[in-house]
N, C-alpha and C. Protein backbone atom coordinates (compact mmCIF):
# COMPACT_ATOMS: atom_id res chain seq x y z
N MET A 1 105.10 43.43 22.15
CA MET A 1 106.02 44.60 21.79
C MET A 1 105.63 45.31 20.49
N VAL A 2 105.61 46.54 20.50
CA VAL A 2 105.34 47.35 19.37
C VAL A 2 106.48 48.10 18.89
N GLN A 3 106.61 48.04 17.52
CA GLN A 3 107.78 48.91 16.95
C GLN A 3 107.07 49.84 15.87
N VAL A 4 107.92 50.65 15.37
CA VAL A 4 107.38 51.68 14.43
C VAL A 4 108.45 51.75 13.29
N GLU A 5 107.92 51.69 12.02
CA GLU A 5 108.60 51.94 10.85
C GLU A 5 108.14 53.26 10.20
N ILE A 6 109.33 54.15 10.07
CA ILE A 6 108.95 55.49 9.47
C ILE A 6 109.48 55.41 8.05
N LEU A 7 108.54 55.95 7.11
CA LEU A 7 108.85 56.02 5.68
C LEU A 7 108.61 57.43 5.25
N ASN A 8 109.75 57.96 4.51
CA ASN A 8 109.67 59.41 4.22
C ASN A 8 109.84 59.37 2.64
N ALA A 9 109.13 60.34 1.96
CA ALA A 9 109.52 60.58 0.53
C ALA A 9 108.93 61.95 0.16
N GLU A 10 109.19 62.36 -1.01
CA GLU A 10 108.82 63.54 -1.61
C GLU A 10 107.41 63.77 -2.09
N ASN A 11 106.82 62.47 -2.35
CA ASN A 11 105.46 62.64 -2.61
C ASN A 11 104.83 61.24 -2.38
N PRO A 12 103.41 61.30 -2.31
CA PRO A 12 102.57 60.19 -1.76
C PRO A 12 102.85 58.84 -2.53
N GLU A 13 103.06 59.02 -3.77
CA GLU A 13 103.41 57.68 -4.60
C GLU A 13 104.66 56.96 -4.09
N GLU A 14 105.69 57.75 -3.86
CA GLU A 14 106.88 57.17 -3.36
C GLU A 14 106.75 56.48 -2.07
N VAL A 15 106.12 57.12 -1.00
CA VAL A 15 105.76 56.53 0.07
C VAL A 15 104.95 55.35 0.08
N ARG A 16 103.88 55.25 -0.91
CA ARG A 16 103.07 54.04 -1.16
C ARG A 16 104.04 52.96 -1.57
N ASN A 17 104.96 53.20 -2.51
CA ASN A 17 105.75 52.27 -3.09
C ASN A 17 106.73 51.61 -1.96
N GLU A 18 107.20 52.53 -1.22
CA GLU A 18 108.18 52.08 -0.03
C GLU A 18 107.32 51.14 1.00
N PHE A 19 106.00 51.61 1.18
CA PHE A 19 105.25 50.83 2.14
C PHE A 19 104.98 49.49 1.63
N ASN A 20 104.62 49.37 0.29
CA ASN A 20 104.35 48.08 -0.34
C ASN A 20 105.60 47.11 -0.33
N GLU A 21 106.79 47.75 -0.70
CA GLU A 21 107.96 46.79 -0.67
C GLU A 21 108.22 46.37 0.74
N TRP A 22 108.07 47.27 1.71
CA TRP A 22 108.41 46.86 3.28
C TRP A 22 107.41 45.85 3.63
N ILE A 23 106.11 45.91 3.40
CA ILE A 23 105.08 44.86 3.64
C ILE A 23 105.58 43.53 3.02
N GLN A 24 105.85 43.57 1.74
CA GLN A 24 106.20 42.27 1.17
C GLN A 24 107.37 41.65 1.75
N SER A 25 108.53 42.40 2.17
CA SER A 25 109.76 41.85 2.76
C SER A 25 109.62 41.53 4.11
N GLU A 26 108.73 42.28 4.89
CA GLU A 26 108.65 42.13 6.40
C GLU A 26 107.38 41.30 6.87
N ASN A 27 106.38 41.34 6.14
CA ASN A 27 104.98 40.91 6.42
C ASN A 27 104.64 41.21 7.95
N PRO A 28 104.57 42.43 8.27
CA PRO A 28 104.31 42.85 9.66
C PRO A 28 102.80 42.71 10.09
N ASP A 29 102.66 42.62 11.43
CA ASP A 29 101.35 42.64 11.93
C ASP A 29 100.96 43.99 12.34
N ILE A 30 100.38 44.84 11.37
CA ILE A 30 100.22 46.24 11.56
C ILE A 30 99.10 46.58 12.52
N ILE A 31 99.30 47.44 13.41
CA ILE A 31 98.28 47.93 14.42
C ILE A 31 97.57 49.21 13.86
N GLU A 32 98.48 50.15 13.45
CA GLU A 32 98.07 51.48 13.24
C GLU A 32 98.92 52.27 12.17
N THR A 33 98.45 53.09 11.43
CA THR A 33 99.21 53.86 10.53
C THR A 33 98.84 55.48 10.68
N LYS A 34 99.83 56.25 10.64
CA LYS A 34 99.58 57.81 10.61
C LYS A 34 100.36 58.27 9.49
N VAL A 35 99.84 59.38 8.88
CA VAL A 35 100.56 60.05 7.73
C VAL A 35 100.58 61.52 8.25
N SER A 36 101.63 62.32 7.83
CA SER A 36 101.87 63.55 7.93
C SER A 36 102.44 64.13 6.69
N GLU A 37 102.22 65.41 6.43
CA GLU A 37 102.57 66.06 5.18
C GLU A 37 103.25 67.45 5.53
N SER A 38 104.29 67.77 4.93
CA SER A 38 104.94 69.09 5.09
C SER A 38 105.19 69.62 3.60
N ALA A 39 105.70 70.75 3.58
CA ALA A 39 105.81 71.45 2.20
C ALA A 39 106.60 70.51 1.27
N LYS A 40 107.49 69.80 1.56
CA LYS A 40 108.34 69.00 0.71
C LYS A 40 108.46 67.60 0.95
N SER A 41 107.60 67.05 1.87
CA SER A 41 107.86 65.65 2.11
C SER A 41 106.50 65.04 2.73
N TYR A 42 106.41 63.72 2.65
CA TYR A 42 105.22 62.98 3.19
C TYR A 42 105.92 61.86 4.17
N THR A 43 105.26 61.64 5.28
CA THR A 43 105.89 60.69 6.32
C THR A 43 104.76 59.85 6.66
N LEU A 44 105.09 58.60 6.66
CA LEU A 44 104.13 57.43 7.04
C LEU A 44 104.70 56.67 8.19
N TRP A 45 103.99 56.66 9.40
CA TRP A 45 104.48 56.00 10.54
C TRP A 45 103.55 54.63 10.46
N VAL A 46 104.24 53.59 10.77
CA VAL A 46 103.48 52.24 10.69
C VAL A 46 103.89 51.55 12.03
N PHE A 47 102.82 51.32 12.95
CA PHE A 47 103.02 50.72 14.08
C PHE A 47 102.68 49.28 14.00
N TYR A 48 103.41 48.30 14.38
CA TYR A 48 103.36 47.01 14.18
C TYR A 48 103.84 46.09 15.38
N ARG A 49 103.12 45.02 15.45
CA ARG A 49 103.60 44.09 16.69
C ARG A 49 104.88 43.26 16.24
N ILE A 50 105.80 42.88 16.99
CA ILE A 50 106.84 42.03 16.70
C ILE A 50 106.76 40.86 17.69
């Protein structure tokens, strides 16, 4: 089964920090990542196996 974790922040550094914290706490089996950017936010989608 595949799940998605969505991380949002105002800048890429905040998203990176959230991602690193999430990886340390969950230790996911990541399949794919996608990034999008809008005028005031960055979003990272992380697809992983559970």
